[in-house]
Amino acid sequence: MAKGNLFVVSGPSGAGKSTVCKKVRRMLGINLATSATTRAPREGEVNGREYHFLSMAEFEAKIENKEFIEYANVHGNYYGTLKSEVEDRLSKGENIILEIDVQGGVQVRDVYPEVNLIFFKTPTKAELEKRLRGRGTESEETVQLRLANSLKEYDFEDQYDDVVINRTVEQACEDLIKIIESHN
């Protein structure tokens, strides 16, 4: 059986990665690997579906045991991708989309050189701020932290294979599907 393809989608918070990946995953039947995090679940999120929600101690034990292909501390919380999530699915010939931060994406390339890295961004930084504020899920302090961090995340764009500028969800879905289908 042929091994599946691995895609990493990264970019600033508010760029629409989650919305687009969710739609594309449904449209193409691609699994979105479930990341682990130490952040608290948002309303409606379910452990094991959106994320594996772990305590700081649980996450750090998994780091110590080298159970992640990548992890980072982002906005004061750990996020990471468990090796078991990726290896199991790829070995079954499944394509996988990892939706992770930019540092994690670069780390994945070290483990899986054949990965396709896809950078998501909004048309403008003003649009990014508008989207972050429109969520209504973060405090002003968190919005400011995410905005500051997003400027740093743009520095990684040139290390990615493809860029999707998310003007509309429909257009971003089409662009992501074209990228994925070009690797099948």
N, C-alpha and C. Protein backbone atom coordinates (compact mmCIF):
# COMPACT_ATOMS: atom_id res chain seq x y z
N MET A 1 0.83 -1.18 0.00
CA MET A 1 0.00 0.00 0.00
C MET A 1 0.88 1.24 0.00
N ALA A 2 0.49 2.24 -0.80
CA ALA A 2 1.24 3.48 -0.87
C ALA A 2 1.06 4.28 0.41
N LYS A 3 2.11 4.97 0.80
CA LYS A 3 2.06 5.80 1.98
C LYS A 3 1.27 7.07 1.64
N GLY A 4 0.54 7.61 2.61
CA GLY A 4 -0.23 8.83 2.41
C GLY A 4 0.67 10.05 2.31
N ASN A 5 0.07 11.16 1.92
CA ASN A 5 0.77 12.45 1.83
C ASN A 5 0.50 13.27 3.07
N LEU A 6 1.52 14.02 3.49
CA LEU A 6 1.43 14.85 4.68
C LEU A 6 1.47 16.32 4.26
N PHE A 7 0.47 17.07 4.72
CA PHE A 7 0.36 18.50 4.45
C PHE A 7 0.34 19.24 5.78
N VAL A 8 1.08 20.35 5.85
CA VAL A 8 1.07 21.19 7.04
C VAL A 8 0.50 22.55 6.63
N VAL A 9 -0.53 22.98 7.35
CA VAL A 9 -1.11 24.31 7.15
C VAL A 9 -0.76 25.15 8.37
N SER A 10 -0.11 26.28 8.13
CA SER A 10 0.31 27.18 9.20
C SER A 10 0.00 28.61 8.81
N GLY A 11 0.10 29.48 9.79
CA GLY A 11 -0.09 30.90 9.56
C GLY A 11 -0.59 31.56 10.82
N PRO A 12 -0.73 32.87 10.79
CA PRO A 12 -1.15 33.60 11.97
C PRO A 12 -2.54 33.20 12.46
N SER A 13 -2.77 33.31 13.77
CA SER A 13 -4.11 33.13 14.33
C SER A 13 -5.04 34.11 13.64
N GLY A 14 -6.22 33.63 13.26
CA GLY A 14 -7.19 34.48 12.60
C GLY A 14 -7.13 34.45 11.10
N ALA A 15 -6.17 33.70 10.53
CA ALA A 15 -6.04 33.63 9.07
C ALA A 15 -7.07 32.70 8.44
N GLY A 16 -7.83 31.98 9.26
CA GLY A 16 -8.89 31.13 8.73
C GLY A 16 -8.49 29.70 8.47
N LYS A 17 -7.36 29.28 9.02
CA LYS A 17 -6.86 27.93 8.77
C LYS A 17 -7.87 26.87 9.20
N SER A 18 -8.40 27.01 10.41
CA SER A 18 -9.30 25.98 10.95
C SER A 18 -10.56 25.85 10.12
N THR A 19 -11.16 26.96 9.77
CA THR A 19 -12.40 26.95 8.98
C THR A 19 -12.18 26.29 7.64
N VAL A 20 -11.12 26.68 6.95
CA VAL A 20 -10.84 26.15 5.61
C VAL A 20 -10.46 24.68 5.69
N CYS A 21 -9.60 24.32 6.62
CA CYS A 21 -9.18 22.92 6.74
C CYS A 21 -10.36 22.01 7.04
N LYS A 22 -11.26 22.47 7.88
CA LYS A 22 -12.43 21.68 8.23
C LYS A 22 -13.28 21.40 6.98
N LYS A 23 -13.52 22.43 6.16
CA LYS A 23 -14.32 22.27 4.94
C LYS A 23 -13.61 21.35 3.94
N VAL A 24 -12.33 21.59 3.72
CA VAL A 24 -11.56 20.80 2.75
C VAL A 24 -11.48 19.35 3.20
N ARG A 25 -11.29 19.15 4.47
CA ARG A 25 -11.23 17.78 5.01
C ARG A 25 -12.51 17.03 4.67
N ARG A 26 -13.64 17.69 4.89
CA ARG A 26 -14.93 17.06 4.56
C ARG A 26 -15.07 16.81 3.07
N MET A 27 -14.68 17.79 2.27
CA MET A 27 -14.84 17.70 0.82
C MET A 27 -13.99 16.58 0.22
N LEU A 28 -12.76 16.42 0.73
CA LEU A 28 -11.83 15.44 0.16
C LEU A 28 -11.70 14.17 0.97
N GLY A 29 -12.31 14.12 2.13
CA GLY A 29 -12.19 12.94 2.98
C GLY A 29 -10.81 12.78 3.56
N ILE A 30 -10.13 13.90 3.80
CA ILE A 30 -8.78 13.88 4.38
C ILE A 30 -8.88 14.06 5.88
N ASN A 31 -8.11 13.29 6.61
CA ASN A 31 -8.08 13.42 8.05
C ASN A 31 -7.27 14.63 8.48
N LEU A 32 -7.81 15.37 9.41
CA LEU A 32 -7.08 16.44 10.07
C LEU A 32 -6.53 15.84 11.35
N ALA A 33 -5.24 15.64 11.39
CA ALA A 33 -4.66 15.03 12.58
C ALA A 33 -4.97 15.89 13.80
N THR A 34 -5.33 15.27 14.87
CA THR A 34 -5.70 15.98 16.09
C THR A 34 -4.45 16.32 16.88
N SER A 35 -4.22 17.61 17.07
CA SER A 35 -3.07 18.08 17.83
C SER A 35 -3.36 18.00 19.32
N ALA A 36 -2.31 18.09 20.10
CA ALA A 36 -2.43 18.15 21.56
C ALA A 36 -2.15 19.59 21.98
N THR A 37 -2.79 20.02 23.07
CA THR A 37 -2.56 21.37 23.59
C THR A 37 -2.80 21.41 25.09
N THR A 38 -2.19 22.42 25.73
CA THR A 38 -2.45 22.66 27.14
C THR A 38 -3.46 23.78 27.34
N ARG A 39 -3.93 24.41 26.25
CA ARG A 39 -4.92 25.47 26.41
C ARG A 39 -6.28 24.88 26.79
N ALA A 40 -7.09 25.69 27.41
CA ALA A 40 -8.43 25.25 27.82
C ALA A 40 -9.32 25.11 26.59
N PRO A 41 -10.23 24.16 26.59
CA PRO A 41 -11.16 24.01 25.46
C PRO A 41 -12.06 25.24 25.34
N ARG A 42 -12.35 25.64 24.07
CA ARG A 42 -13.33 26.67 23.82
C ARG A 42 -14.71 26.02 23.84
N GLU A 43 -15.73 26.84 23.94
CA GLU A 43 -17.09 26.33 23.98
C GLU A 43 -17.36 25.44 22.76
N GLY A 44 -17.87 24.24 23.02
CA GLY A 44 -18.21 23.31 21.95
C GLY A 44 -17.09 22.38 21.54
N GLU A 45 -15.86 22.64 21.98
CA GLU A 45 -14.74 21.76 21.62
C GLU A 45 -14.78 20.50 22.49
N VAL A 46 -14.41 19.38 21.85
CA VAL A 46 -14.45 18.08 22.52
C VAL A 46 -13.05 17.49 22.54
N ASN A 47 -12.63 16.99 23.69
CA ASN A 47 -11.32 16.35 23.81
C ASN A 47 -11.23 15.17 22.84
N GLY A 48 -10.14 15.14 22.07
CA GLY A 48 -9.94 14.07 21.10
C GLY A 48 -10.50 14.40 19.72
N ARG A 49 -11.33 15.42 19.62
CA ARG A 49 -11.87 15.82 18.32
C ARG A 49 -11.13 17.05 17.81
N GLU A 50 -11.29 18.19 18.49
CA GLU A 50 -10.57 19.40 18.06
C GLU A 50 -9.10 19.32 18.48
N TYR A 51 -8.88 18.89 19.71
CA TYR A 51 -7.53 18.74 20.28
C TYR A 51 -7.55 17.60 21.28
N HIS A 52 -6.35 17.12 21.60
CA HIS A 52 -6.16 16.30 22.79
C HIS A 52 -5.79 17.32 23.87
N PHE A 53 -6.72 17.63 24.78
CA PHE A 53 -6.47 18.62 25.82
C PHE A 53 -5.72 17.95 26.97
N LEU A 54 -4.49 18.42 27.21
CA LEU A 54 -3.61 17.83 28.21
C LEU A 54 -3.25 18.87 29.26
N SER A 55 -2.97 18.39 30.45
CA SER A 55 -2.42 19.28 31.48
C SER A 55 -0.97 19.58 31.12
N MET A 56 -0.41 20.60 31.74
CA MET A 56 0.99 20.94 31.52
C MET A 56 1.89 19.75 31.85
N ALA A 57 1.60 19.06 32.95
CA ALA A 57 2.41 17.91 33.37
C ALA A 57 2.32 16.77 32.35
N GLU A 58 1.11 16.50 31.86
CA GLU A 58 0.94 15.43 30.86
C GLU A 58 1.70 15.76 29.57
N PHE A 59 1.60 17.02 29.13
CA PHE A 59 2.28 17.43 27.91
C PHE A 59 3.79 17.30 28.07
N GLU A 60 4.30 17.80 29.18
CA GLU A 60 5.75 17.76 29.41
C GLU A 60 6.26 16.33 29.53
N ALA A 61 5.45 15.42 30.06
CA ALA A 61 5.85 14.01 30.11
C ALA A 61 5.96 13.43 28.70
N LYS A 62 5.06 13.83 27.82
CA LYS A 62 5.11 13.36 26.43
C LYS A 62 6.33 13.95 25.69
N ILE A 63 6.68 15.19 26.03
CA ILE A 63 7.90 15.78 25.46
C ILE A 63 9.10 14.94 25.90
N GLU A 64 9.16 14.66 27.19
CA GLU A 64 10.27 13.89 27.76
C GLU A 64 10.38 12.51 27.10
N ASN A 65 9.24 11.92 26.79
CA ASN A 65 9.20 10.59 26.16
C ASN A 65 9.34 10.64 24.64
N LYS A 66 9.57 11.84 24.09
CA LYS A 66 9.76 12.03 22.65
C LYS A 66 8.57 11.51 21.82
N GLU A 67 7.36 11.82 22.30
CA GLU A 67 6.15 11.36 21.64
C GLU A 67 5.62 12.35 20.59
N PHE A 68 6.29 13.49 20.42
CA PHE A 68 5.84 14.51 19.46
C PHE A 68 6.76 14.57 18.26
N ILE A 69 6.19 14.83 17.07
CA ILE A 69 7.04 15.13 15.91
C ILE A 69 7.36 16.61 15.89
N GLU A 70 6.54 17.38 16.56
CA GLU A 70 6.80 18.81 16.72
C GLU A 70 5.97 19.30 17.90
N TYR A 71 6.47 20.35 18.53
CA TYR A 71 5.70 21.02 19.57
C TYR A 71 6.30 22.41 19.76
N ALA A 72 5.49 23.29 20.29
CA ALA A 72 5.95 24.65 20.57
C ALA A 72 5.08 25.26 21.65
N ASN A 73 5.62 26.26 22.30
CA ASN A 73 4.85 27.05 23.23
C ASN A 73 4.38 28.27 22.45
N VAL A 74 3.07 28.38 22.27
CA VAL A 74 2.49 29.45 21.48
C VAL A 74 1.46 30.16 22.35
N HIS A 75 1.61 31.46 22.50
CA HIS A 75 0.67 32.27 23.28
C HIS A 75 0.53 31.74 24.72
N GLY A 76 1.63 31.19 25.26
CA GLY A 76 1.61 30.73 26.64
C GLY A 76 1.09 29.31 26.86
N ASN A 77 0.76 28.62 25.77
CA ASN A 77 0.31 27.23 25.87
C ASN A 77 1.13 26.36 24.93
N TYR A 78 1.29 25.08 25.30
CA TYR A 78 1.93 24.12 24.42
C TYR A 78 0.93 23.62 23.38
N TYR A 79 1.44 23.42 22.17
CA TYR A 79 0.71 22.75 21.09
C TYR A 79 1.69 21.76 20.48
N GLY A 80 1.21 20.58 20.09
CA GLY A 80 2.11 19.61 19.49
C GLY A 80 1.36 18.53 18.73
N THR A 81 2.11 17.81 17.89
CA THR A 81 1.55 16.72 17.09
C THR A 81 2.18 15.42 17.54
N LEU A 82 1.34 14.52 17.97
CA LEU A 82 1.81 13.21 18.43
C LEU A 82 2.26 12.35 17.24
N LYS A 83 3.42 11.72 17.38
CA LYS A 83 3.92 10.81 16.33
C LYS A 83 2.89 9.74 16.00
N SER A 84 2.23 9.23 17.02
CA SER A 84 1.27 8.15 16.81
C SER A 84 0.13 8.58 15.89
N GLU A 85 -0.30 9.84 15.98
CA GLU A 85 -1.38 10.35 15.12
C GLU A 85 -0.98 10.29 13.65
N VAL A 86 0.28 10.64 13.37
CA VAL A 86 0.75 10.74 11.99
C VAL A 86 1.14 9.38 11.42
N GLU A 87 1.96 8.64 12.14
CA GLU A 87 2.48 7.37 11.64
C GLU A 87 1.37 6.37 11.30
N ASP A 88 0.39 6.26 12.17
CA ASP A 88 -0.70 5.32 11.97
C ASP A 88 -1.45 5.63 10.68
N ARG A 89 -1.78 6.88 10.48
CA ARG A 89 -2.58 7.27 9.31
C ARG A 89 -1.78 7.19 8.01
N LEU A 90 -0.55 7.67 8.03
CA LEU A 90 0.27 7.62 6.81
C LEU A 90 0.50 6.17 6.37
N SER A 91 0.74 5.29 7.33
CA SER A 91 1.00 3.88 7.00
C SER A 91 -0.21 3.20 6.37
N LYS A 92 -1.41 3.74 6.63
CA LYS A 92 -2.63 3.20 6.03
C LYS A 92 -2.92 3.82 4.66
N GLY A 93 -2.01 4.68 4.18
CA GLY A 93 -2.20 5.32 2.88
C GLY A 93 -3.08 6.55 2.93
N GLU A 94 -3.38 7.03 4.11
CA GLU A 94 -4.24 8.20 4.25
C GLU A 94 -3.44 9.49 4.11
N ASN A 95 -4.04 10.49 3.44
CA ASN A 95 -3.48 11.83 3.46
C ASN A 95 -3.84 12.47 4.78
N ILE A 96 -2.95 13.34 5.26
CA ILE A 96 -3.16 14.01 6.54
C ILE A 96 -2.87 15.49 6.38
N ILE A 97 -3.70 16.30 7.04
CA ILE A 97 -3.43 17.72 7.16
C ILE A 97 -3.12 18.00 8.62
N LEU A 98 -1.95 18.59 8.87
CA LEU A 98 -1.61 19.08 10.20
C LEU A 98 -1.83 20.58 10.19
N GLU A 99 -2.59 21.05 11.12
CA GLU A 99 -2.83 22.49 11.26
C GLU A 99 -2.04 22.94 12.48
N ILE A 100 -0.85 23.49 12.24
CA ILE A 100 0.06 23.81 13.34
C ILE A 100 0.74 25.15 13.12
N ASP A 101 1.42 25.64 14.17
CA ASP A 101 2.11 26.92 14.08
C ASP A 101 3.33 26.82 13.16
N VAL A 102 3.86 27.97 12.78
CA VAL A 102 4.94 28.01 11.79
C VAL A 102 6.22 27.32 12.26
N GLN A 103 6.56 27.46 13.53
CA GLN A 103 7.77 26.80 14.01
C GLN A 103 7.61 25.29 13.92
N GLY A 104 6.43 24.81 14.26
CA GLY A 104 6.15 23.38 14.17
C GLY A 104 6.24 22.87 12.74
N GLY A 105 5.75 23.66 11.80
CA GLY A 105 5.82 23.26 10.40
C GLY A 105 7.25 23.03 9.94
N VAL A 106 8.13 23.93 10.32
CA VAL A 106 9.54 23.79 9.95
C VAL A 106 10.14 22.56 10.63
N GLN A 107 9.73 22.28 11.88
CA GLN A 107 10.22 21.09 12.58
C GLN A 107 9.76 19.81 11.88
N VAL A 108 8.53 19.81 11.37
CA VAL A 108 8.01 18.62 10.69
C VAL A 108 8.86 18.29 9.46
N ARG A 109 9.32 19.31 8.74
CA ARG A 109 10.15 19.07 7.56
C ARG A 109 11.42 18.32 7.93
N ASP A 110 11.93 18.55 9.14
CA ASP A 110 13.14 17.83 9.58
C ASP A 110 12.87 16.34 9.73
N VAL A 111 11.64 15.98 10.13
CA VAL A 111 11.27 14.57 10.33
C VAL A 111 10.73 13.95 9.04
N TYR A 112 9.95 14.73 8.29
CA TYR A 112 9.32 14.26 7.04
C TYR A 112 9.70 15.22 5.91
N PRO A 113 10.86 15.02 5.26
CA PRO A 113 11.31 15.95 4.22
C PRO A 113 10.33 16.11 3.06
N GLU A 114 9.47 15.11 2.84
CA GLU A 114 8.52 15.17 1.72
C GLU A 114 7.25 15.95 2.04
N VAL A 115 7.12 16.48 3.24
CA VAL A 115 5.93 17.23 3.64
C VAL A 115 5.73 18.44 2.74
N ASN A 116 4.47 18.81 2.52
CA ASN A 116 4.16 20.03 1.78
C ASN A 116 3.70 21.07 2.80
N LEU A 117 4.45 22.15 2.92
CA LEU A 117 4.15 23.22 3.88
C LEU A 117 3.34 24.31 3.18
N ILE A 118 2.17 24.65 3.76
CA ILE A 118 1.26 25.62 3.16
C ILE A 118 1.02 26.73 4.17
N PHE A 119 1.36 27.97 3.79
CA PHE A 119 1.23 29.13 4.67
C PHE A 119 -0.07 29.86 4.36
N PHE A 120 -0.91 30.05 5.38
CA PHE A 120 -2.17 30.77 5.25
C PHE A 120 -2.00 32.18 5.80
N LYS A 121 -2.57 33.15 5.10
CA LYS A 121 -2.57 34.52 5.62
C LYS A 121 -3.79 35.27 5.12
N THR A 122 -4.09 36.37 5.77
CA THR A 122 -5.17 37.25 5.35
C THR A 122 -4.61 38.22 4.31
N PRO A 123 -5.49 38.88 3.55
CA PRO A 123 -5.00 39.83 2.54
C PRO A 123 -4.19 40.97 3.15
N THR A 124 -4.57 41.41 4.36
CA THR A 124 -3.86 42.50 5.04
C THR A 124 -3.78 42.20 6.53
N LYS A 125 -2.87 42.87 7.19
CA LYS A 125 -2.75 42.71 8.64
C LYS A 125 -3.95 43.35 9.35
N ALA A 126 -4.54 44.38 8.76
CA ALA A 126 -5.74 44.99 9.34
C ALA A 126 -6.90 43.98 9.33
N GLU A 127 -6.99 43.20 8.27
CA GLU A 127 -8.03 42.16 8.19
C GLU A 127 -7.78 41.09 9.24
N LEU A 128 -6.52 40.76 9.47
CA LEU A 128 -6.18 39.78 10.51
C LEU A 128 -6.67 40.26 11.88
N GLU A 129 -6.40 41.51 12.20
CA GLU A 129 -6.85 42.06 13.49
C GLU A 129 -8.37 42.05 13.58
N LYS A 130 -9.04 42.41 12.50
CA LYS A 130 -10.51 42.40 12.48
C LYS A 130 -11.05 41.00 12.76
N ARG A 131 -10.45 39.98 12.16
CA ARG A 131 -10.91 38.60 12.36
C ARG A 131 -10.66 38.14 13.80
N LEU A 132 -9.50 38.49 14.34
CA LEU A 132 -9.21 38.10 15.72
C LEU A 132 -10.19 38.74 16.69
N ARG A 133 -10.47 39.99 16.49
CA ARG A 133 -11.42 40.69 17.37
C ARG A 133 -12.84 40.16 17.17
N GLY A 134 -13.17 39.75 15.96
CA GLY A 134 -14.50 39.26 15.64
C GLY A 134 -14.84 37.93 16.29
N ARG A 135 -13.82 37.18 16.69
CA ARG A 135 -14.06 35.90 17.37
C ARG A 135 -14.80 36.10 18.68
N GLY A 136 -14.40 37.15 19.41
CA GLY A 136 -15.01 37.41 20.70
C GLY A 136 -14.67 36.38 21.76
N THR A 137 -13.61 35.58 21.52
CA THR A 137 -13.26 34.53 22.47
C THR A 137 -12.02 34.87 23.30
N GLU A 138 -11.31 35.93 22.93
CA GLU A 138 -10.07 36.27 23.63
C GLU A 138 -10.17 37.64 24.28
N SER A 139 -9.42 37.80 25.36
CA SER A 139 -9.33 39.09 26.03
C SER A 139 -8.51 40.04 25.16
N GLU A 140 -8.56 41.33 25.48
CA GLU A 140 -7.78 42.33 24.74
C GLU A 140 -6.28 42.00 24.84
N GLU A 141 -5.85 41.56 26.01
CA GLU A 141 -4.44 41.20 26.20
C GLU A 141 -4.05 40.05 25.26
N THR A 142 -4.92 39.05 25.15
CA THR A 142 -4.64 37.91 24.27
C THR A 142 -4.66 38.33 22.81
N VAL A 143 -5.59 39.20 22.43
CA VAL A 143 -5.64 39.70 21.04
C VAL A 143 -4.33 40.41 20.72
N GLN A 144 -3.87 41.27 21.63
CA GLN A 144 -2.62 42.00 21.39
C GLN A 144 -1.42 41.04 21.29
N LEU A 145 -1.40 40.00 22.14
CA LEU A 145 -0.32 39.01 22.09
C LEU A 145 -0.34 38.27 20.76
N ARG A 146 -1.54 37.86 20.32
CA ARG A 146 -1.66 37.14 19.04
C ARG A 146 -1.26 38.02 17.86
N LEU A 147 -1.63 39.30 17.91
CA LEU A 147 -1.24 40.21 16.83
C LEU A 147 0.28 40.38 16.78
N ALA A 148 0.90 40.56 17.93
CA ALA A 148 2.36 40.70 17.98
C ALA A 148 3.04 39.44 17.47
N ASN A 149 2.54 38.28 17.89
CA ASN A 149 3.13 37.02 17.45
C ASN A 149 2.92 36.79 15.95
N SER A 150 1.79 37.26 15.41
CA SER A 150 1.53 37.05 13.98
C SER A 150 2.56 37.76 13.12
N LEU A 151 3.03 38.91 13.56
CA LEU A 151 4.06 39.62 12.80
C LEU A 151 5.33 38.77 12.71
N LYS A 152 5.66 38.08 13.79
CA LYS A 152 6.83 37.20 13.78
C LYS A 152 6.58 35.99 12.88
N GLU A 153 5.33 35.50 12.85
CA GLU A 153 5.00 34.32 12.05
C GLU A 153 5.17 34.59 10.55
N TYR A 154 4.95 35.83 10.12
CA TYR A 154 5.12 36.17 8.71
C TYR A 154 6.57 35.96 8.26
N ASP A 155 7.53 36.00 9.18
CA ASP A 155 8.93 35.79 8.85
C ASP A 155 9.20 34.37 8.34
N PHE A 156 8.31 33.43 8.62
CA PHE A 156 8.48 32.04 8.20
C PHE A 156 7.90 31.74 6.82
N GLU A 157 7.15 32.69 6.27
CA GLU A 157 6.44 32.45 5.01
C GLU A 157 7.35 31.92 3.91
N ASP A 158 8.56 32.44 3.79
CA ASP A 158 9.46 32.02 2.71
C ASP A 158 9.99 30.60 2.87
N GLN A 159 9.78 29.97 4.04
CA GLN A 159 10.20 28.59 4.25
C GLN A 159 9.11 27.59 3.87
N TYR A 160 7.96 28.11 3.43
CA TYR A 160 6.82 27.28 3.06
C TYR A 160 6.76 27.09 1.55
N ASP A 161 6.19 25.97 1.12
CA ASP A 161 6.13 25.63 -0.30
C ASP A 161 5.06 26.41 -1.05
N ASP A 162 3.93 26.64 -0.39
CA ASP A 162 2.80 27.32 -1.01
C ASP A 162 2.21 28.33 -0.05
N VAL A 163 1.56 29.36 -0.62
CA VAL A 163 0.89 30.39 0.18
C VAL A 163 -0.55 30.49 -0.28
N VAL A 164 -1.47 30.49 0.69
CA VAL A 164 -2.89 30.72 0.41
C VAL A 164 -3.26 32.03 1.09
N ILE A 165 -3.72 32.99 0.28
CA ILE A 165 -4.23 34.25 0.83
C ILE A 165 -5.73 34.08 0.97
N ASN A 166 -6.19 34.06 2.20
CA ASN A 166 -7.58 33.77 2.51
C ASN A 166 -8.44 35.03 2.40
N ARG A 167 -8.89 35.31 1.18
CA ARG A 167 -9.80 36.44 0.95
C ARG A 167 -11.23 36.04 1.30
N THR A 168 -11.61 34.84 0.84
CA THR A 168 -12.92 34.27 1.19
C THR A 168 -12.70 32.80 1.50
N VAL A 169 -13.59 32.22 2.27
CA VAL A 169 -13.48 30.80 2.61
C VAL A 169 -13.54 29.95 1.35
N GLU A 170 -14.45 30.27 0.44
CA GLU A 170 -14.62 29.48 -0.78
C GLU A 170 -13.35 29.49 -1.62
N GLN A 171 -12.78 30.66 -1.83
CA GLN A 171 -11.56 30.77 -2.64
C GLN A 171 -10.39 30.06 -1.96
N ALA A 172 -10.26 30.21 -0.64
CA ALA A 172 -9.17 29.55 0.08
C ALA A 172 -9.32 28.03 0.01
N CYS A 173 -10.56 27.53 0.08
CA CYS A 173 -10.80 26.10 -0.06
C CYS A 173 -10.36 25.62 -1.44
N GLU A 174 -10.73 26.34 -2.47
CA GLU A 174 -10.32 25.98 -3.84
C GLU A 174 -8.81 25.94 -3.97
N ASP A 175 -8.14 26.95 -3.42
CA ASP A 175 -6.67 27.02 -3.50
C ASP A 175 -6.03 25.84 -2.77
N LEU A 176 -6.53 25.52 -1.58
CA LEU A 176 -5.97 24.41 -0.82
C LEU A 176 -6.22 23.08 -1.53
N ILE A 177 -7.40 22.89 -2.08
CA ILE A 177 -7.70 21.66 -2.82
C ILE A 177 -6.77 21.49 -4.01
N LYS A 178 -6.51 22.57 -4.75
CA LYS A 178 -5.58 22.50 -5.90
C LYS A 178 -4.19 22.04 -5.45
N ILE A 179 -3.73 22.58 -4.33
CA ILE A 179 -2.41 22.21 -3.81
C ILE A 179 -2.39 20.72 -3.45
N ILE A 180 -3.41 20.28 -2.72
CA ILE A 180 -3.48 18.87 -2.30
C ILE A 180 -3.57 17.94 -3.51
N GLU A 181 -4.44 18.26 -4.45
CA GLU A 181 -4.61 17.40 -5.61
C GLU A 181 -3.37 17.35 -6.48
N SER A 182 -2.55 18.38 -6.45
CA SER A 182 -1.32 18.38 -7.24
C SER A 182 -0.29 17.38 -6.71
N HIS A 183 -0.50 16.86 -5.48
CA HIS A 183 0.42 15.90 -4.88
C HIS A 183 -0.11 14.46 -4.89
N ASN A 184 -1.28 14.26 -5.46
CA ASN A 184 -1.85 12.90 -5.50
C ASN A 184 -1.52 12.21 -6.81
